[in-house]
């Protein structure tokens, strides 16, 4: 039984794998205020609520973009589960080649997406992760991580509009009935939502032109379902791609240890 933890800037996604199958999953808010003891109580309660005993966990795998929270989960794993977690970075044997000018700067979540995507679907791939940022990651047919793009996420764009423009309200993230908004709220929703759709379709097209082929497109992340049916291109929804990639990396690293 493997505990997989994906620590993002906004949320922490957790999963419990049994015999390589995702048996339970959950989401928490990302906060650096929790101690390792609070984190343990929370993890134990969530796993128990899903019908499992966390103390039977055989290992922990972590991908993170928030170092302070990473450290908390490290201490929790050591203190309560008596194990050292596998923490993803570019120095591990990932099973893919990183063709990036600065491999150490690639986000661990992006590496997990690339690994999960290639080992599940093959290549070439364009992986779009709808999180705090909207990230694009490109994997070749030979399993090379080629790089990608990072753009503001939909929630982030909405928040910045509200915070920096005195008369613009916070709006619910949904598609208005028409592209041309008739109120401030629907105008903002149209700009945010349809703007994101056009950005995704447009950048995917440009990536394919640069690759010289049609890559398979995978959509993941918390907001993927929200925009998927508005996209013109074909996208495969894989809500647990990051966790699956994390589990694949864990198995590879532990097997080679």
C-alpha atoms as a PDB file:
ATOM      1  CA  UNK A   1       0.000   0.000   0.000  1.00  0.00           C
ATOM      2  CA  UNK A   2       1.534   3.282  -1.167  1.00  0.00           C
ATOM      3  CA  UNK A   3       0.564   6.769  -0.027  1.00  0.00           C
ATOM      4  CA  UNK A   4       0.969   9.266  -2.898  1.00  0.00           C
ATOM      5  CA  UNK A   5       0.949  12.997  -2.161  1.00  0.00           C
ATOM      6  CA  UNK A   6       0.842  15.765  -4.780  1.00  0.00           C
ATOM      7  CA  UNK A   7       1.473  19.124  -3.073  1.00  0.00           C
ATOM      8  CA  UNK A   8       0.407  22.089  -5.175  1.00  0.00           C
ATOM      9  CA  UNK A   9       0.218  25.799  -4.461  1.00  0.00           C
ATOM     10  CA  UNK A  10      -3.542  25.724  -3.899  1.00  0.00           C
ATOM     11  CA  UNK A  11      -4.425  22.115  -3.101  1.00  0.00           C
ATOM     12  CA  UNK A  12      -2.874  18.863  -1.935  1.00  0.00           C
ATOM     13  CA  UNK A  13      -4.078  15.799  -3.827  1.00  0.00           C
ATOM     14  CA  UNK A  14      -3.636  12.497  -2.064  1.00  0.00           C
ATOM     15  CA  UNK A  15      -4.069   8.925  -3.197  1.00  0.00           C
ATOM     16  CA  UNK A  16      -3.737   5.435  -1.799  1.00  0.00           C
ATOM     17  CA  UNK A  17      -2.446   2.761  -4.176  1.00  0.00           C
ATOM     18  CA  UNK A  18      -2.928  -0.944  -3.543  1.00  0.00           C
ATOM     19  CA  UNK A  19      -1.255  -3.314  -6.009  1.00  0.00           C
ATOM     20  CA  UNK A  20      -0.732  -0.364  -8.402  1.00  0.00           C
ATOM     21  CA  UNK A  21      -4.443   0.518  -8.384  1.00  0.00           C
ATOM     22  CA  UNK A  22      -5.780   3.803  -7.016  1.00  0.00           C
ATOM     23  CA  UNK A  23      -8.001   2.645  -4.150  1.00  0.00           C
ATOM     24  CA  UNK A  24      -8.837   6.053  -2.627  1.00  0.00           C
ATOM     25  CA  UNK A  25      -8.194   9.705  -3.352  1.00  0.00           C
ATOM     26  CA  UNK A  26      -8.873  13.094  -1.770  1.00  0.00           C
ATOM     27  CA  UNK A  27      -8.049  16.813  -1.903  1.00  0.00           C
ATOM     28  CA  UNK A  28      -7.014  19.245   0.837  1.00  0.00           C
ATOM     29  CA  UNK A  29      -6.181  22.926   0.907  1.00  0.00           C
ATOM     30  CA  UNK A  30      -2.456  23.676   0.795  1.00  0.00           C
ATOM     31  CA  UNK A  31      -1.274  25.260   4.010  1.00  0.00           C
ATOM     32  CA  UNK A  32       2.175  25.370   5.550  1.00  0.00           C
ATOM     33  CA  UNK A  33       0.700  25.955   9.010  1.00  0.00           C
ATOM     34  CA  UNK A  34       0.026  22.301   9.808  1.00  0.00           C
ATOM     35  CA  UNK A  35       2.597  20.430  11.881  1.00  0.00           C
ATOM     36  CA  UNK A  36       3.651  16.870  11.114  1.00  0.00           C
ATOM     37  CA  UNK A  37       1.409  15.708  13.987  1.00  0.00           C
ATOM     38  CA  UNK A  38      -1.652  17.529  12.610  1.00  0.00           C
ATOM     39  CA  UNK A  39      -0.868  16.200   9.158  1.00  0.00           C
ATOM     40  CA  UNK A  40      -0.685  12.650  10.515  1.00  0.00           C
ATOM     41  CA  UNK A  41      -4.048  12.936  12.299  1.00  0.00           C
ATOM     42  CA  UNK A  42      -5.621  14.329   9.131  1.00  0.00           C
ATOM     43  CA  UNK A  43      -4.121  11.664   6.837  1.00  0.00           C
ATOM     44  CA  UNK A  44      -5.033   8.872   9.240  1.00  0.00           C
ATOM     45  CA  UNK A  45      -8.642  10.081   9.486  1.00  0.00           C
ATOM     46  CA  UNK A  46      -9.040  10.441   5.698  1.00  0.00           C
ATOM     47  CA  UNK A  47      -7.566   7.021   4.948  1.00  0.00           C
ATOM     48  CA  UNK A  48      -9.709   5.440   7.663  1.00  0.00           C
ATOM     49  CA  UNK A  49     -12.818   7.158   6.262  1.00  0.00           C
ATOM     50  CA  UNK A  50     -12.038   5.416   2.957  1.00  0.00           C
ATOM     51  CA  UNK A  51     -11.927   2.037   4.701  1.00  0.00           C
ATOM     52  CA  UNK A  52      -8.163   1.524   5.021  1.00  0.00           C
ATOM     53  CA  UNK A  53      -5.542   1.490   7.776  1.00  0.00           C
ATOM     54  CA  UNK A  54      -2.797   4.026   7.047  1.00  0.00           C
ATOM     55  CA  UNK A  55      -0.394   2.209   9.366  1.00  0.00           C
ATOM     56  CA  UNK A  56      -0.239  -0.609   6.813  1.00  0.00           C
ATOM     57  CA  UNK A  57       1.297   1.801   4.308  1.00  0.00           C
ATOM     58  CA  UNK A  58       4.486   0.376   2.840  1.00  0.00           C
ATOM     59  CA  UNK A  59       5.860   3.602   1.386  1.00  0.00           C
ATOM     60  CA  UNK A  60       5.264   7.263   0.648  1.00  0.00           C
ATOM     61  CA  UNK A  61       5.807   9.153  -2.613  1.00  0.00           C
ATOM     62  CA  UNK A  62       5.726  12.945  -2.790  1.00  0.00           C
ATOM     63  CA  UNK A  63       5.688  15.461  -5.609  1.00  0.00           C
ATOM     64  CA  UNK A  64       5.673  19.048  -4.464  1.00  0.00           C
ATOM     65  CA  UNK A  65       6.079  22.673  -5.495  1.00  0.00           C
ATOM     66  CA  UNK A  66       5.854  23.923  -1.883  1.00  0.00           C
ATOM     67  CA  UNK A  67       9.073  23.068   0.023  1.00  0.00           C
ATOM     68  CA  UNK A  68       7.708  23.911   3.496  1.00  0.00           C
ATOM     69  CA  UNK A  69       4.824  21.459   3.133  1.00  0.00           C
ATOM     70  CA  UNK A  70       7.164  18.848   1.648  1.00  0.00           C
ATOM     71  CA  UNK A  71       9.244  19.024   4.812  1.00  0.00           C
ATOM     72  CA  UNK A  72       6.142  18.505   6.968  1.00  0.00           C
ATOM     73  CA  UNK A  73       5.160  15.347   5.079  1.00  0.00           C
ATOM     74  CA  UNK A  74       8.755  14.113   5.263  1.00  0.00           C
ATOM     75  CA  UNK A  75       8.728  14.460   9.036  1.00  0.00           C
ATOM     76  CA  UNK A  76       5.309  12.819   9.275  1.00  0.00           C
ATOM     77  CA  UNK A  77       6.469   9.837   7.201  1.00  0.00           C
ATOM     78  CA  UNK A  78       9.593   9.392   9.296  1.00  0.00           C
ATOM     79  CA  UNK A  79       7.872   9.811  12.672  1.00  0.00           C
ATOM     80  CA  UNK A  80       4.692   7.819  12.160  1.00  0.00           C
ATOM     81  CA  UNK A  81       5.265   5.495   9.206  1.00  0.00           C
ATOM     82  CA  UNK A  82       8.991   4.968   9.848  1.00  0.00           C
ATOM     83  CA  UNK A  83       9.920   5.360   6.210  1.00  0.00           C
ATOM     84  CA  UNK A  84      11.782   7.812   4.024  1.00  0.00           C
ATOM     85  CA  UNK A  85       9.533   9.033   1.214  1.00  0.00           C
ATOM     86  CA  UNK A  86      10.511   9.137  -2.440  1.00  0.00           C
ATOM     87  CA  UNK A  87      10.508  12.836  -3.338  1.00  0.00           C
ATOM     88  CA  UNK A  88      10.400  13.478  -7.076  1.00  0.00           C
ATOM     89  CA  UNK A  89      13.027  15.619  -8.770  1.00  0.00           C
ATOM     90  CA  UNK A  90      15.023  15.553 -11.980  1.00  0.00           C
ATOM     91  CA  UNK A  91      17.924  13.559 -10.456  1.00  0.00           C
ATOM     92  CA  UNK A  92      15.837  10.374 -10.089  1.00  0.00           C
ATOM     93  CA  UNK A  93      15.687   7.606 -12.677  1.00  0.00           C
ATOM     94  CA  UNK A  94      12.351   8.638 -14.148  1.00  0.00           C
ATOM     95  CA  UNK A  95      12.358   6.429 -17.219  1.00  0.00           C
ATOM     96  CA  UNK A  96      12.241   9.453 -19.524  1.00  0.00           C
ATOM     97  CA  UNK A  97      14.982  11.757 -20.795  1.00  0.00           C
ATOM     98  CA  UNK A  98      14.700  15.417 -19.802  1.00  0.00           C
ATOM     99  CA  UNK A  99      15.555  17.652 -22.770  1.00  0.00           C
ATOM    100  CA  UNK A 100      15.394  20.902 -20.803  1.00  0.00           C
ATOM    101  CA  UNK A 101      18.140  23.500 -20.530  1.00  0.00           C
ATOM    102  CA  UNK A 102      17.817  23.461 -16.730  1.00  0.00           C
ATOM    103  CA  UNK A 103      16.433  20.020 -15.727  1.00  0.00           C
ATOM    104  CA  UNK A 104      16.582  20.872 -12.028  1.00  0.00           C
ATOM    105  CA  UNK A 105      14.107  23.706 -12.536  1.00  0.00           C
ATOM    106  CA  UNK A 106      11.317  21.560 -13.991  1.00  0.00           C
ATOM    107  CA  UNK A 107       8.431  21.319 -11.530  1.00  0.00           C
ATOM    108  CA  UNK A 108       8.092  17.872  -9.952  1.00  0.00           C
ATOM    109  CA  UNK A 109       4.403  17.793 -10.849  1.00  0.00           C
ATOM    110  CA  UNK A 110       5.279  18.383 -14.512  1.00  0.00           C
ATOM    111  CA  UNK A 111       7.732  15.477 -14.395  1.00  0.00           C
ATOM    112  CA  UNK A 112       5.066  13.219 -12.875  1.00  0.00           C
ATOM    113  CA  UNK A 113       2.635  14.231 -15.617  1.00  0.00           C
ATOM    114  CA  UNK A 114       5.214  13.478 -18.292  1.00  0.00           C
ATOM    115  CA  UNK A 115       6.071  10.082 -16.815  1.00  0.00           C
ATOM    116  CA  UNK A 116       2.442   9.151 -16.193  1.00  0.00           C
ATOM    117  CA  UNK A 117       1.433  10.301 -19.657  1.00  0.00           C
ATOM    118  CA  UNK A 118       4.194   8.473 -21.546  1.00  0.00           C
ATOM    119  CA  UNK A 119       3.897   5.176 -19.686  1.00  0.00           C
ATOM    120  CA  UNK A 120       0.105   5.181 -19.955  1.00  0.00           C
ATOM    121  CA  UNK A 121      -0.365   6.530 -23.484  1.00  0.00           C
ATOM    122  CA  UNK A 122       2.977   6.573 -25.286  1.00  0.00           C
ATOM    123  CA  UNK A 123       4.020   9.614 -27.307  1.00  0.00           C
ATOM    124  CA  UNK A 124       4.046  12.189 -28.690  1.00  0.00           C
ATOM    125  CA  UNK A 125       1.940  13.936 -26.054  1.00  0.00           C
ATOM    126  CA  UNK A 126       0.788  17.382 -25.058  1.00  0.00           C
ATOM    127  CA  UNK A 127      -0.301  17.382 -21.411  1.00  0.00           C
ATOM    128  CA  UNK A 128      -2.347  20.340 -20.171  1.00  0.00           C
ATOM    129  CA  UNK A 129      -2.611  20.619 -16.385  1.00  0.00           C
ATOM    130  CA  UNK A 130      -5.345  22.955 -15.155  1.00  0.00           C
ATOM    131  CA  UNK A 131      -4.088  24.025 -11.743  1.00  0.00           C
ATOM    132  CA  UNK A 132      -3.040  27.278 -10.102  1.00  0.00           C
ATOM    133  CA  UNK A 133      -1.164  27.764 -13.362  1.00  0.00           C
ATOM    134  CA  UNK A 134      -2.170  26.207 -16.664  1.00  0.00           C
ATOM    135  CA  UNK A 135       0.887  24.242 -17.759  1.00  0.00           C
ATOM    136  CA  UNK A 136       1.644  22.550 -21.073  1.00  0.00           C
ATOM    137  CA  UNK A 137       4.163  19.705 -21.140  1.00  0.00           C
ATOM    138  CA  UNK A 138       5.380  18.033 -24.319  1.00  0.00           C
ATOM    139  CA  UNK A 139       6.714  14.477 -24.558  1.00  0.00           C
ATOM    140  CA  UNK A 140       8.184  12.987 -27.736  1.00  0.00           C
ATOM    141  CA  UNK A 141       7.441   9.547 -29.161  1.00  0.00           C
ATOM    142  CA  UNK A 142      10.788   8.407 -27.711  1.00  0.00           C
ATOM    143  CA  UNK A 143       9.881   9.432 -24.191  1.00  0.00           C
ATOM    144  CA  UNK A 144      11.809  12.704 -24.155  1.00  0.00           C
ATOM    145  CA  UNK A 145      10.505  15.536 -22.033  1.00  0.00           C
ATOM    146  CA  UNK A 146      10.860  18.432 -24.471  1.00  0.00           C
ATOM    147  CA  UNK A 147       9.584  21.292 -22.317  1.00  0.00           C
ATOM    148  CA  UNK A 148       6.391  23.273 -22.551  1.00  0.00           C
ATOM    149  CA  UNK A 149       4.628  26.419 -21.428  1.00  0.00           C
ATOM    150  CA  UNK A 150       3.314  27.936 -18.199  1.00  0.00           C
ATOM    151  CA  UNK A 151       0.374  30.345 -18.289  1.00  0.00           C
ATOM    152  CA  UNK A 152      -1.829  31.879 -15.569  1.00  0.00           C
ATOM    153  CA  UNK A 153      -4.556  29.525 -14.369  1.00  0.00           C
ATOM    154  CA  UNK A 154      -8.218  30.441 -14.700  1.00  0.00           C
ATOM    155  CA  UNK A 155      -8.701  30.951 -10.950  1.00  0.00           C
ATOM    156  CA  UNK A 156      -5.527  33.004 -10.725  1.00  0.00           C
ATOM    157  CA  UNK A 157      -6.620  35.259 -13.595  1.00  0.00           C
ATOM    158  CA  UNK A 158     -10.018  35.751 -11.971  1.00  0.00           C
ATOM    159  CA  UNK A 159      -8.462  36.632  -8.634  1.00  0.00           C
ATOM    160  CA  UNK A 160      -6.032  39.146 -10.150  1.00  0.00           C
ATOM    161  CA  UNK A 161      -8.850  40.899 -12.041  1.00  0.00           C
ATOM    162  CA  UNK A 162     -10.835  41.240  -8.826  1.00  0.00           C
ATOM    163  CA  UNK A 163      -7.870  42.363  -6.719  1.00  0.00           C
ATOM    164  CA  UNK A 164      -6.362  44.867  -9.146  1.00  0.00           C
ATOM    165  CA  UNK A 165      -9.510  46.438 -10.607  1.00  0.00           C
ATOM    166  CA  UNK A 166     -11.616  48.172  -7.955  1.00  0.00           C
ATOM    167  CA  UNK A 167     -14.987  47.748  -9.670  1.00  0.00           C
ATOM    168  CA  UNK A 168     -14.583  44.182 -10.915  1.00  0.00           C
ATOM    169  CA  UNK A 169     -16.250  41.606  -8.647  1.00  0.00           C
ATOM    170  CA  UNK A 170     -15.254  38.028  -7.953  1.00  0.00           C
ATOM    171  CA  UNK A 171     -17.208  35.798 -10.309  1.00  0.00           C
ATOM    172  CA  UNK A 172     -18.214  32.158 -10.364  1.00  0.00           C
ATOM    173  CA  UNK A 173     -16.137  30.257 -12.912  1.00  0.00           C
ATOM    174  CA  UNK A 174     -18.654  29.084 -15.494  1.00  0.00           C
ATOM    175  CA  UNK A 175     -19.372  29.659 -19.159  1.00  0.00           C
ATOM    176  CA  UNK A 176     -22.022  32.318 -19.868  1.00  0.00           C
ATOM    177  CA  UNK A 177     -24.727  31.507 -22.406  1.00  0.00           C
ATOM    178  CA  UNK A 178     -23.210  33.858 -24.977  1.00  0.00           C
ATOM    179  CA  UNK A 179     -19.709  35.056 -25.745  1.00  0.00           C
ATOM    180  CA  UNK A 180     -20.819  38.711 -25.742  1.00  0.00           C
ATOM    181  CA  UNK A 181     -21.470  39.535 -22.100  1.00  0.00           C
ATOM    182  CA  UNK A 182     -24.399  41.786 -21.161  1.00  0.00           C
ATOM    183  CA  UNK A 183     -23.297  42.431 -17.567  1.00  0.00           C
ATOM    184  CA  UNK A 184     -19.960  42.974 -15.878  1.00  0.00           C
ATOM    185  CA  UNK A 185     -20.161  39.469 -14.405  1.00  0.00           C
ATOM    186  CA  UNK A 186     -20.931  37.696 -17.692  1.00  0.00           C
ATOM    187  CA  UNK A 187     -18.347  39.832 -19.505  1.00  0.00           C
ATOM    188  CA  UNK A 188     -15.715  38.675 -17.016  1.00  0.00           C
ATOM    189  CA  UNK A 189     -16.856  35.060 -17.225  1.00  0.00           C
ATOM    190  CA  UNK A 190     -16.700  35.175 -21.011  1.00  0.00           C
ATOM    191  CA  UNK A 191     -13.219  36.657 -21.016  1.00  0.00           C
ATOM    192  CA  UNK A 192     -11.919  34.221 -18.427  1.00  0.00           C
ATOM    193  CA  UNK A 193     -13.509  31.029 -19.697  1.00  0.00           C
ATOM    194  CA  UNK A 194     -13.582  31.493 -23.466  1.00  0.00           C
ATOM    195  CA  UNK A 195     -10.207  33.205 -23.270  1.00  0.00           C
ATOM    196  CA  UNK A 196      -8.781  30.088 -21.587  1.00  0.00           C
ATOM    197  CA  UNK A 197     -10.365  27.846 -24.231  1.00  0.00           C
ATOM    198  CA  UNK A 198      -8.914  29.847 -27.134  1.00  0.00           C
ATOM    199  CA  UNK A 199      -5.510  29.962 -25.451  1.00  0.00           C
ATOM    200  CA  UNK A 200      -5.465  26.189 -24.972  1.00  0.00           C
ATOM    201  CA  UNK A 201      -6.627  25.351 -28.490  1.00  0.00           C
ATOM    202  CA  UNK A 202      -4.310  27.963 -30.007  1.00  0.00           C
ATOM    203  CA  UNK A 203      -1.203  26.931 -28.090  1.00  0.00           C
ATOM    204  CA  UNK A 204      -1.883  23.247 -28.748  1.00  0.00           C
ATOM    205  CA  UNK A 205      -2.033  24.014 -32.472  1.00  0.00           C
ATOM    206  CA  UNK A 206       1.262  25.925 -32.322  1.00  0.00           C
ATOM    207  CA  UNK A 207       2.959  23.073 -30.439  1.00  0.00           C
ATOM    208  CA  UNK A 208       1.812  20.560 -33.055  1.00  0.00           C
ATOM    209  CA  UNK A 209       3.108  22.811 -35.825  1.00  0.00           C
ATOM    210  CA  UNK A 210       6.492  22.987 -34.117  1.00  0.00           C
ATOM    211  CA  UNK A 211       6.557  19.213 -33.576  1.00  0.00           C
ATOM    212  CA  UNK A 212       5.518  18.582 -37.164  1.00  0.00           C
ATOM    213  CA  UNK A 213       2.915  16.023 -36.115  1.00  0.00           C
ATOM    214  CA  UNK A 214      -0.378  15.629 -34.269  1.00  0.00           C
ATOM    215  CA  UNK A 215       0.357  14.810 -30.650  1.00  0.00           C
ATOM    216  CA  UNK A 216      -2.222  13.214 -28.389  1.00  0.00           C
ATOM    217  CA  UNK A 217      -3.620  15.761 -25.927  1.00  0.00           C
ATOM    218  CA  UNK A 218      -4.188  14.848 -22.278  1.00  0.00           C
ATOM    219  CA  UNK A 219      -6.104  17.128 -19.885  1.00  0.00           C
ATOM    220  CA  UNK A 220      -5.649  16.861 -16.126  1.00  0.00           C
ATOM    221  CA  UNK A 221      -5.942  19.022 -13.016  1.00  0.00           C
ATOM    222  CA  UNK A 222      -8.796  20.343 -10.933  1.00  0.00           C
ATOM    223  CA  UNK A 223     -10.399  22.576 -13.581  1.00  0.00           C
ATOM    224  CA  UNK A 224     -10.005  20.262 -16.573  1.00  0.00           C
ATOM    225  CA  UNK A 225     -13.629  19.054 -16.529  1.00  0.00           C
ATOM    226  CA  UNK A 226     -14.851  22.648 -16.500  1.00  0.00           C
ATOM    227  CA  UNK A 227     -13.477  23.505 -19.949  1.00  0.00           C
ATOM    228  CA  UNK A 228     -13.133  20.162 -21.685  1.00  0.00           C
ATOM    229  CA  UNK A 229     -16.399  20.174 -23.623  1.00  0.00           C
ATOM    230  CA  UNK A 230     -15.717  23.681 -24.983  1.00  0.00           C
ATOM    231  CA  UNK A 231     -12.367  22.787 -26.554  1.00  0.00           C
ATOM    232  CA  UNK A 232     -12.291  22.239 -30.308  1.00  0.00           C
ATOM    233  CA  UNK A 233      -9.495  19.680 -30.335  1.00  0.00           C
ATOM    234  CA  UNK A 234      -9.772  16.141 -28.946  1.00  0.00           C
ATOM    235  CA  UNK A 235      -8.500  15.831 -25.377  1.00  0.00           C
ATOM    236  CA  UNK A 236      -8.328  12.741 -23.179  1.00  0.00           C
ATOM    237  CA  UNK A 237      -9.361  13.527 -19.599  1.00  0.00           C
ATOM    238  CA  UNK A 238      -7.126  11.874 -16.997  1.00  0.00           C
ATOM    239  CA  UNK A 239      -7.934  13.336 -13.588  1.00  0.00           C
ATOM    240  CA  UNK A 240      -5.330  11.251 -11.738  1.00  0.00           C
ATOM    241  CA  UNK A 241      -2.414  11.535 -14.162  1.00  0.00           C
ATOM    242  CA  UNK A 242      -0.082  13.247 -11.662  1.00  0.00           C
ATOM    243  CA  UNK A 243      -0.738  10.668  -8.938  1.00  0.00           C
ATOM    244  CA  UNK A 244      -0.334   7.805 -11.426  1.00  0.00           C
ATOM    245  CA  UNK A 245       2.969   9.249 -12.612  1.00  0.00           C
ATOM    246  CA  UNK A 246       4.071   9.594  -9.004  1.00  0.00           C
ATOM    247  CA  UNK A 247       3.253   5.944  -8.326  1.00  0.00           C
ATOM    248  CA  UNK A 248       5.129   4.841 -11.456  1.00  0.00           C
ATOM    249  CA  UNK A 249       8.214   6.816 -10.367  1.00  0.00           C
ATOM    250  CA  UNK A 250       8.014   5.369  -6.852  1.00  0.00           C
ATOM    251  CA  UNK A 251       7.910   1.794  -8.183  1.00  0.00           C
ATOM    252  CA  UNK A 252      10.833   2.483 -10.525  1.00  0.00           C
ATOM    253  CA  UNK A 253      12.999   4.097  -7.835  1.00  0.00           C
ATOM    254  CA  UNK A 254      12.272   1.463  -5.196  1.00  0.00           C
ATOM    255  CA  UNK A 255      12.891  -1.375  -7.654  1.00  0.00           C
ATOM    256  CA  UNK A 256      16.295   0.123  -8.517  1.00  0.00           C
ATOM    257  CA  UNK A 257      17.212   0.784  -4.884  1.00  0.00           C
END
